[in-house]
Amino acid sequence: MLTFLWIIQIIAAVLLIIFVLLHSPKGDGLASMGSASQIFSSQKNAEKGLNRITMYIALVFLVCAFLTGFKIFHG
C-alpha cells in the first residue's frame, strides 16, 4: 500500500511540474500588481481547463503526501 502511494505521488509530482510549466506567464511580476484586475478578467477556456487539471493534480499530490505520512508514522 505504501509503495502504491509513493508511485502515485511521484506521478502526480511529475505531472504537476509539467502542468505548471505549461501555464502562460500572467504579467511582469511585482510591476503588474496595480493592474491585477486585468489578469483575471480575460482567461481563455484552455487556460481555465489547465488551471482545473493543475488543481486536481495538486490535490492528488497533497492527499498522497498526507496518507503516506500518516501510514509511516502510524504504521
PDB file of N, CA and C in Angstrom:
ATOM      1  N   MET A   1       0.823  -1.195   0.000  1.00  0.00           N
ATOM      2  CA  MET A   1       0.000   0.000   0.000  1.00  0.00           C
ATOM      3  C   MET A   1       0.869   1.262   0.000  1.00  0.00           C
ATOM      4  N   LEU A   2       1.929   1.244   0.805  1.00  0.00           N
ATOM      5  CA  LEU A   2       2.809   2.404   0.881  1.00  0.00           C
ATOM      6  C   LEU A   2       3.537   2.638  -0.442  1.00  0.00           C
ATOM      7  N   THR A   3       3.952   1.559  -1.075  1.00  0.00           N
ATOM      8  CA  THR A   3       4.634   1.676  -2.373  1.00  0.00           C
ATOM      9  C   THR A   3       3.686   2.247  -3.428  1.00  0.00           C
ATOM     10  N   PHE A   4       2.441   1.821  -3.396  1.00  0.00           N
ATOM     11  CA  PHE A   4       1.439   2.346  -4.329  1.00  0.00           C
ATOM     12  C   PHE A   4       1.235   3.845  -4.136  1.00  0.00           C
ATOM     13  N   LEU A   5       1.171   4.285  -2.879  1.00  0.00           N
ATOM     14  CA  LEU A   5       1.010   5.717  -2.606  1.00  0.00           C
ATOM     15  C   LEU A   5       2.220   6.512  -3.091  1.00  0.00           C
ATOM     16  N   TRP A   6       3.417   5.968  -2.896  1.00  0.00           N
ATOM     17  CA  TRP A   6       4.619   6.646  -3.363  1.00  0.00           C
ATOM     18  C   TRP A   6       4.645   6.767  -4.883  1.00  0.00           C
ATOM     19  N   ILE A   7       4.221   5.705  -5.572  1.00  0.00           N
ATOM     20  CA  ILE A   7       4.194   5.737  -7.039  1.00  0.00           C
ATOM     21  C   ILE A   7       3.203   6.792  -7.526  1.00  0.00           C
ATOM     22  N   ILE A   8       2.013   6.819  -6.924  1.00  0.00           N
ATOM     23  CA  ILE A   8       1.007   7.819  -7.306  1.00  0.00           C
ATOM     24  C   ILE A   8       1.520   9.226  -7.008  1.00  0.00           C
ATOM     25  N   GLN A   9       2.198   9.393  -5.886  1.00  0.00           N
ATOM     26  CA  GLN A   9       2.725  10.708  -5.522  1.00  0.00           C
ATOM     27  C   GLN A   9       3.818  11.159  -6.479  1.00  0.00           C
ATOM     28  N   ILE A  10       4.678  10.264  -6.894  1.00  0.00           N
ATOM     29  CA  ILE A  10       5.736  10.619  -7.854  1.00  0.00           C
ATOM     30  C   ILE A  10       5.139  10.982  -9.206  1.00  0.00           C
ATOM     31  N   ILE A  11       4.159  10.211  -9.643  1.00  0.00           N
ATOM     32  CA  ILE A  11       3.489  10.523 -10.924  1.00  0.00           C
ATOM     33  C   ILE A  11       2.798  11.869 -10.841  1.00  0.00           C
ATOM     34  N   ALA A  12       2.110  12.123  -9.724  1.00  0.00           N
ATOM     35  CA  ALA A  12       1.431  13.409  -9.547  1.00  0.00           C
ATOM     36  C   ALA A  12       2.432  14.556  -9.500  1.00  0.00           C
ATOM     37  N   ALA A  13       3.588  14.345  -8.882  1.00  0.00           N
ATOM     38  CA  ALA A  13       4.601  15.396  -8.814  1.00  0.00           C
ATOM     39  C   ALA A  13       5.139  15.740 -10.196  1.00  0.00           C
ATOM     40  N   VAL A  14       5.418  14.733 -10.989  1.00  0.00           N
ATOM     41  CA  VAL A  14       5.923  14.975 -12.348  1.00  0.00           C
ATOM     42  C   VAL A  14       4.862  15.680 -13.195  1.00  0.00           C
ATOM     43  N   LEU A  15       3.617  15.221 -13.098  1.00  0.00           N
ATOM     44  CA  LEU A  15       2.537  15.868 -13.847  1.00  0.00           C
ATOM     45  C   LEU A  15       2.311  17.300 -13.380  1.00  0.00           C
ATOM     46  N   LEU A  16       2.433  17.520 -12.089  1.00  0.00           N
ATOM     47  CA  LEU A  16       2.262  18.873 -11.554  1.00  0.00           C
ATOM     48  C   LEU A  16       3.334  19.815 -12.087  1.00  0.00           C
ATOM     49  N   ILE A  17       4.564  19.346 -12.153  1.00  0.00           N
ATOM     50  CA  ILE A  17       5.646  20.165 -12.715  1.00  0.00           C
ATOM     51  C   ILE A  17       5.357  20.490 -14.176  1.00  0.00           C
ATOM     52  N   ILE A  18       4.929  19.495 -14.930  1.00  0.00           N
ATOM     53  CA  ILE A  18       4.642  19.705 -16.353  1.00  0.00           C
ATOM     54  C   ILE A  18       3.506  20.694 -16.544  1.00  0.00           C
ATOM     55  N   PHE A  19       2.414  20.525 -15.790  1.00  0.00           N
ATOM     56  CA  PHE A  19       1.260  21.400 -15.986  1.00  0.00           C
ATOM     57  C   PHE A  19       1.518  22.823 -15.492  1.00  0.00           C
ATOM     58  N   VAL A  20       2.313  22.992 -14.458  1.00  0.00           N
ATOM     59  CA  VAL A  20       2.663  24.350 -14.018  1.00  0.00           C
ATOM     60  C   VAL A  20       3.520  25.032 -15.077  1.00  0.00           C
ATOM     61  N   LEU A  21       4.432  24.287 -15.689  1.00  0.00           N
ATOM     62  CA  LEU A  21       5.268  24.878 -16.730  1.00  0.00           C
ATOM     63  C   LEU A  21       4.482  25.191 -18.004  1.00  0.00           C
ATOM     64  N   LEU A  22       3.351  24.536 -18.213  1.00  0.00           N
ATOM     65  CA  LEU A  22       2.528  24.813 -19.384  1.00  0.00           C
ATOM     66  C   LEU A  22       1.727  26.107 -19.266  1.00  0.00           C
ATOM     67  N   HIS A  23       1.565  26.614 -18.058  1.00  0.00           N
ATOM     68  CA  HIS A  23       0.813  27.853 -17.876  1.00  0.00           C
ATOM     69  C   HIS A  23       1.521  29.011 -18.556  1.00  0.00           C
ATOM     70  N   SER A  24       0.707  29.911 -19.095  1.00  0.00           N
ATOM     71  CA  SER A  24       1.279  31.096 -19.730  1.00  0.00           C
ATOM     72  C   SER A  24       1.625  32.128 -18.650  1.00  0.00           C
ATOM     73  N   PRO A  25       2.644  32.936 -18.912  1.00  0.00           N
ATOM     74  CA  PRO A  25       3.000  33.960 -17.931  1.00  0.00           C
ATOM     75  C   PRO A  25       1.859  34.958 -17.771  1.00  0.00           C
ATOM     76  N   LYS A  26       1.638  35.398 -16.550  1.00  0.00           N
ATOM     77  CA  LYS A  26       0.494  36.261 -16.274  1.00  0.00           C
ATOM     78  C   LYS A  26       0.840  37.743 -16.226  1.00  0.00           C
ATOM     79  N   GLY A  27       2.087  38.103 -16.139  1.00  0.00           N
ATOM     80  CA  GLY A  27       2.404  39.519 -16.048  1.00  0.00           C
ATOM     81  C   GLY A  27       3.876  39.753 -15.848  1.00  0.00           C
ATOM     82  N   ASP A  28       4.176  40.915 -15.301  1.00  0.00           N
ATOM     83  CA  ASP A  28       5.562  41.332 -15.116  1.00  0.00           C
ATOM     84  C   ASP A  28       5.996  41.229 -13.659  1.00  0.00           C
ATOM     85  N   GLY A  29       5.485  40.276 -12.936  1.00  0.00           N
ATOM     86  CA  GLY A  29       5.861  40.115 -11.543  1.00  0.00           C
ATOM     87  C   GLY A  29       5.230  41.186 -10.672  1.00  0.00           C
ATOM     88  N   LEU A  30       6.023  41.807  -9.820  1.00  0.00           N
ATOM     89  CA  LEU A  30       5.508  42.821  -8.907  1.00  0.00           C
ATOM     90  C   LEU A  30       5.087  44.095  -9.633  1.00  0.00           C
ATOM     91  N   ALA A  31       5.594  44.331 -10.814  1.00  0.00           N
ATOM     92  CA  ALA A  31       5.225  45.534 -11.565  1.00  0.00           C
ATOM     93  C   ALA A  31       3.780  45.502 -12.023  1.00  0.00           C
ATOM     94  N   SER A  32       3.183  44.325 -12.097  1.00  0.00           N
ATOM     95  CA  SER A  32       1.805  44.224 -12.582  1.00  0.00           C
ATOM     96  C   SER A  32       0.790  44.200 -11.456  1.00  0.00           C
ATOM     97  N   MET A  33       1.196  44.480 -10.233  1.00  0.00           N
ATOM     98  CA  MET A  33       0.254  44.430  -9.107  1.00  0.00           C
ATOM     99  C   MET A  33      -0.831  45.486  -9.230  1.00  0.00           C
ATOM    100  N   GLY A  34      -0.540  46.617  -9.834  1.00  0.00           N
ATOM    101  CA  GLY A  34      -1.547  47.664  -9.990  1.00  0.00           C
ATOM    102  C   GLY A  34      -2.641  47.283 -10.953  1.00  0.00           C
ATOM    103  N   SER A  35      -2.355  46.434 -11.910  1.00  0.00           N
ATOM    104  CA  SER A  35      -3.353  46.043 -12.910  1.00  0.00           C
ATOM    105  C   SER A  35      -3.753  44.588 -12.736  1.00  0.00           C
ATOM    106  N   ALA A  36      -3.928  44.170 -11.504  1.00  0.00           N
ATOM    107  CA  ALA A  36      -4.260  42.773 -11.233  1.00  0.00           C
ATOM    108  C   ALA A  36      -5.651  42.412 -11.736  1.00  0.00           C
ATOM    109  N   SER A  37      -6.539  43.391 -11.851  1.00  0.00           N
ATOM    110  CA  SER A  37      -7.888  43.082 -12.322  1.00  0.00           C
ATOM    111  C   SER A  37      -7.882  42.646 -13.782  1.00  0.00           C
ATOM    112  N   GLN A  38      -6.910  43.138 -14.572  1.00  0.00           N
ATOM    113  CA  GLN A  38      -6.833  42.744 -15.976  1.00  0.00           C
ATOM    114  C   GLN A  38      -6.380  41.300 -16.126  1.00  0.00           C
ATOM    115  N   ILE A  39      -5.614  40.808 -15.186  1.00  0.00           N
ATOM    116  CA  ILE A  39      -5.075  39.452 -15.285  1.00  0.00           C
ATOM    117  C   ILE A  39      -6.196  38.427 -15.213  1.00  0.00           C
ATOM    118  N   PHE A  40      -7.129  38.623 -14.291  1.00  0.00           N
ATOM    119  CA  PHE A  40      -8.140  37.603 -14.043  1.00  0.00           C
ATOM    120  C   PHE A  40      -9.393  37.766 -14.885  1.00  0.00           C
ATOM    121  N   SER A  41      -9.542  38.871 -15.588  1.00  0.00           N
ATOM    122  CA  SER A  41     -10.770  39.096 -16.336  1.00  0.00           C
ATOM    123  C   SER A  41     -10.758  38.455 -17.723  1.00  0.00           C
ATOM    124  N   SER A  42      -9.618  38.113 -18.266  1.00  0.00           N
ATOM    125  CA  SER A  42      -9.573  37.598 -19.636  1.00  0.00           C
ATOM    126  C   SER A  42      -8.869  36.244 -19.697  1.00  0.00           C
ATOM    127  N   GLN A  43      -9.465  35.233 -19.075  1.00  0.00           N
ATOM    128  CA  GLN A  43      -8.901  33.883 -19.163  1.00  0.00           C
ATOM    129  C   GLN A  43      -9.564  33.147 -20.317  1.00  0.00           C
ATOM    130  N   LYS A  44      -8.761  32.449 -21.076  1.00  0.00           N
ATOM    131  CA  LYS A  44      -9.290  31.645 -22.174  1.00  0.00           C
ATOM    132  C   LYS A  44      -9.810  30.323 -21.621  1.00  0.00           C
ATOM    133  N   ASN A  45     -10.590  29.615 -22.429  1.00  0.00           N
ATOM    134  CA  ASN A  45     -11.125  28.323 -21.998  1.00  0.00           C
ATOM    135  C   ASN A  45     -10.019  27.300 -21.774  1.00  0.00           C
ATOM    136  N   ALA A  46      -9.003  27.323 -22.601  1.00  0.00           N
ATOM    137  CA  ALA A  46      -7.898  26.381 -22.432  1.00  0.00           C
ATOM    138  C   ALA A  46      -7.170  26.644 -21.125  1.00  0.00           C
ATOM    139  N   GLU A  47      -7.006  27.912 -20.778  1.00  0.00           N
ATOM    140  CA  GLU A  47      -6.330  28.265 -19.536  1.00  0.00           C
ATOM    141  C   GLU A  47      -7.166  27.840 -18.322  1.00  0.00           C
ATOM    142  N   LYS A  48      -8.484  27.982 -18.437  1.00  0.00           N
ATOM    143  CA  LYS A  48      -9.352  27.541 -17.345  1.00  0.00           C
ATOM    144  C   LYS A  48      -9.257  26.033 -17.146  1.00  0.00           C
ATOM    145  N   GLY A  49      -9.251  25.299 -18.242  1.00  0.00           N
ATOM    146  CA  GLY A  49      -9.114  23.849 -18.153  1.00  0.00           C
ATOM    147  C   GLY A  49      -7.771  23.439 -17.587  1.00  0.00           C
ATOM    148  N   LEU A  50      -6.719  24.139 -17.988  1.00  0.00           N
ATOM    149  CA  LEU A  50      -5.380  23.863 -17.478  1.00  0.00           C
ATOM    150  C   LEU A  50      -5.303  24.152 -15.978  1.00  0.00           C
ATOM    151  N   ASN A  51      -5.948  25.230 -15.550  1.00  0.00           N
ATOM    152  CA  ASN A  51      -5.986  25.544 -14.119  1.00  0.00           C
ATOM    153  C   ASN A  51      -6.717  24.457 -13.340  1.00  0.00           C
ATOM    154  N   ARG A  52      -7.814  23.966 -13.879  1.00  0.00           N
ATOM    155  CA  ARG A  52      -8.601  22.938 -13.199  1.00  0.00           C
ATOM    156  C   ARG A  52      -7.820  21.623 -13.094  1.00  0.00           C
ATOM    157  N   ILE A  53      -7.160  21.222 -14.181  1.00  0.00           N
ATOM    158  CA  ILE A  53      -6.362  19.989 -14.157  1.00  0.00           C
ATOM    159  C   ILE A  53      -5.211  20.119 -13.165  1.00  0.00           C
ATOM    160  N   THR A  54      -4.554  21.279 -13.163  1.00  0.00           N
ATOM    161  CA  THR A  54      -3.453  21.509 -12.232  1.00  0.00           C
ATOM    162  C   THR A  54      -3.940  21.433 -10.795  1.00  0.00           C
ATOM    163  N   MET A  55      -5.112  21.983 -10.525  1.00  0.00           N
ATOM    164  CA  MET A  55      -5.671  21.949  -9.182  1.00  0.00           C
ATOM    165  C   MET A  55      -5.949  20.514  -8.739  1.00  0.00           C
ATOM    166  N   TYR A  56      -6.521  19.704  -9.616  1.00  0.00           N
ATOM    167  CA  TYR A  56      -6.826  18.318  -9.264  1.00  0.00           C
ATOM    168  C   TYR A  56      -5.554  17.493  -9.045  1.00  0.00           C
ATOM    169  N   ILE A  57      -4.537  17.722  -9.869  1.00  0.00           N
ATOM    170  CA  ILE A  57      -3.277  17.002  -9.687  1.00  0.00           C
ATOM    171  C   ILE A  57      -2.620  17.417  -8.373  1.00  0.00           C
ATOM    172  N   ALA A  58      -2.678  18.701  -8.038  1.00  0.00           N
ATOM    173  CA  ALA A  58      -2.124  19.163  -6.764  1.00  0.00           C
ATOM    174  C   ALA A  58      -2.881  18.549  -5.591  1.00  0.00           C
ATOM    175  N   LEU A  59      -4.190  18.402  -5.734  1.00  0.00           N
ATOM    176  CA  LEU A  59      -4.998  17.775  -4.684  1.00  0.00           C
ATOM    177  C   LEU A  59      -4.618  16.306  -4.500  1.00  0.00           C
ATOM    178  N   VAL A  60      -4.417  15.588  -5.603  1.00  0.00           N
ATOM    179  CA  VAL A  60      -3.987  14.186  -5.526  1.00  0.00           C
ATOM    180  C   VAL A  60      -2.625  14.095  -4.851  1.00  0.00           C
ATOM    181  N   PHE A  61      -1.715  15.005  -5.199  1.00  0.00           N
ATOM    182  CA  PHE A  61      -0.389  15.017  -4.588  1.00  0.00           C
ATOM    183  C   PHE A  61      -0.480  15.242  -3.085  1.00  0.00           C
ATOM    184  N   LEU A  62      -1.290  16.208  -2.670  1.00  0.00           N
ATOM    185  CA  LEU A  62      -1.422  16.501  -1.242  1.00  0.00           C
ATOM    186  C   LEU A  62      -2.057  15.355  -0.473  1.00  0.00           C
ATOM    187  N   VAL A  63      -3.080  14.743  -1.036  1.00  0.00           N
ATOM    188  CA  VAL A  63      -3.728  13.604  -0.367  1.00  0.00           C
ATOM    189  C   VAL A  63      -2.748  12.451  -0.219  1.00  0.00           C
ATOM    190  N   CYS A  64      -1.985  12.172  -1.263  1.00  0.00           N
ATOM    191  CA  CYS A  64      -0.980  11.102  -1.179  1.00  0.00           C
ATOM    192  C   CYS A  64       0.095  11.429  -0.154  1.00  0.00           C
ATOM    193  N   ALA A  65       0.488  12.687  -0.078  1.00  0.00           N
ATOM    194  CA  ALA A  65       1.503  13.087   0.905  1.00  0.00           C
ATOM    195  C   ALA A  65       0.981  12.888   2.323  1.00  0.00           C
ATOM    196  N   PHE A  66      -0.255  13.295   2.594  1.00  0.00           N
ATOM    197  CA  PHE A  66      -0.818  13.111   3.924  1.00  0.00           C
ATOM    198  C   PHE A  66      -0.999  11.642   4.262  1.00  0.00           C
ATOM    199  N   LEU A  67      -1.498  10.858   3.302  1.00  0.00           N
ATOM    200  CA  LEU A  67      -1.700   9.432   3.559  1.00  0.00           C
ATOM    201  C   LEU A  67      -0.376   8.703   3.771  1.00  0.00           C
ATOM    202  N   THR A  68       0.641   9.081   3.014  1.00  0.00           N
ATOM    203  CA  THR A  68       1.949   8.464   3.185  1.00  0.00           C
ATOM    204  C   THR A  68       2.528   8.807   4.559  1.00  0.00           C
ATOM    205  N   GLY A  69       2.434  10.054   4.939  1.00  0.00           N
ATOM    206  CA  GLY A  69       2.926  10.463   6.252  1.00  0.00           C
ATOM    207  C   GLY A  69       2.168   9.780   7.372  1.00  0.00           C
ATOM    208  N   PHE A  70       0.862   9.676   7.239  1.00  0.00           N
ATOM    209  CA  PHE A  70       0.054   9.003   8.245  1.00  0.00           C
ATOM    210  C   PHE A  70       0.411   7.522   8.345  1.00  0.00           C
ATOM    211  N   LYS A  71       0.616   6.911   7.191  1.00  0.00           N
ATOM    212  CA  LYS A  71       0.946   5.479   7.149  1.00  0.00           C
ATOM    213  C   LYS A  71       2.325   5.213   7.752  1.00  0.00           C
ATOM    214  N   ILE A  72       3.282   6.102   7.508  1.00  0.00           N
ATOM    215  CA  ILE A  72       4.636   5.908   8.034  1.00  0.00           C
ATOM    216  C   ILE A  72       4.655   6.057   9.551  1.00  0.00           C
ATOM    217  N   PHE A  73       3.979   7.089  10.072  1.00  0.00           N
ATOM    218  CA  PHE A  73       4.054   7.363  11.497  1.00  0.00           C
ATOM    219  C   PHE A  73       3.092   6.532  12.340  1.00  0.00           C
ATOM    220  N   HIS A  74       2.014   6.065  11.723  1.00  0.00           N
ATOM    221  CA  HIS A  74       1.030   5.290  12.489  1.00  0.00           C
ATOM    222  C   HIS A  74       0.950   3.845  12.024  1.00  0.00           C
ATOM    223  N   GLY A  75       1.866   3.460  11.182  1.00  0.00           N
ATOM    224  CA  GLY A  75       2.100   2.155  10.648  1.00  0.00           C
ATOM    225  C   GLY A  75       1.082   1.155  10.695  1.00  0.00           C
TER     226      GLY A  75
END
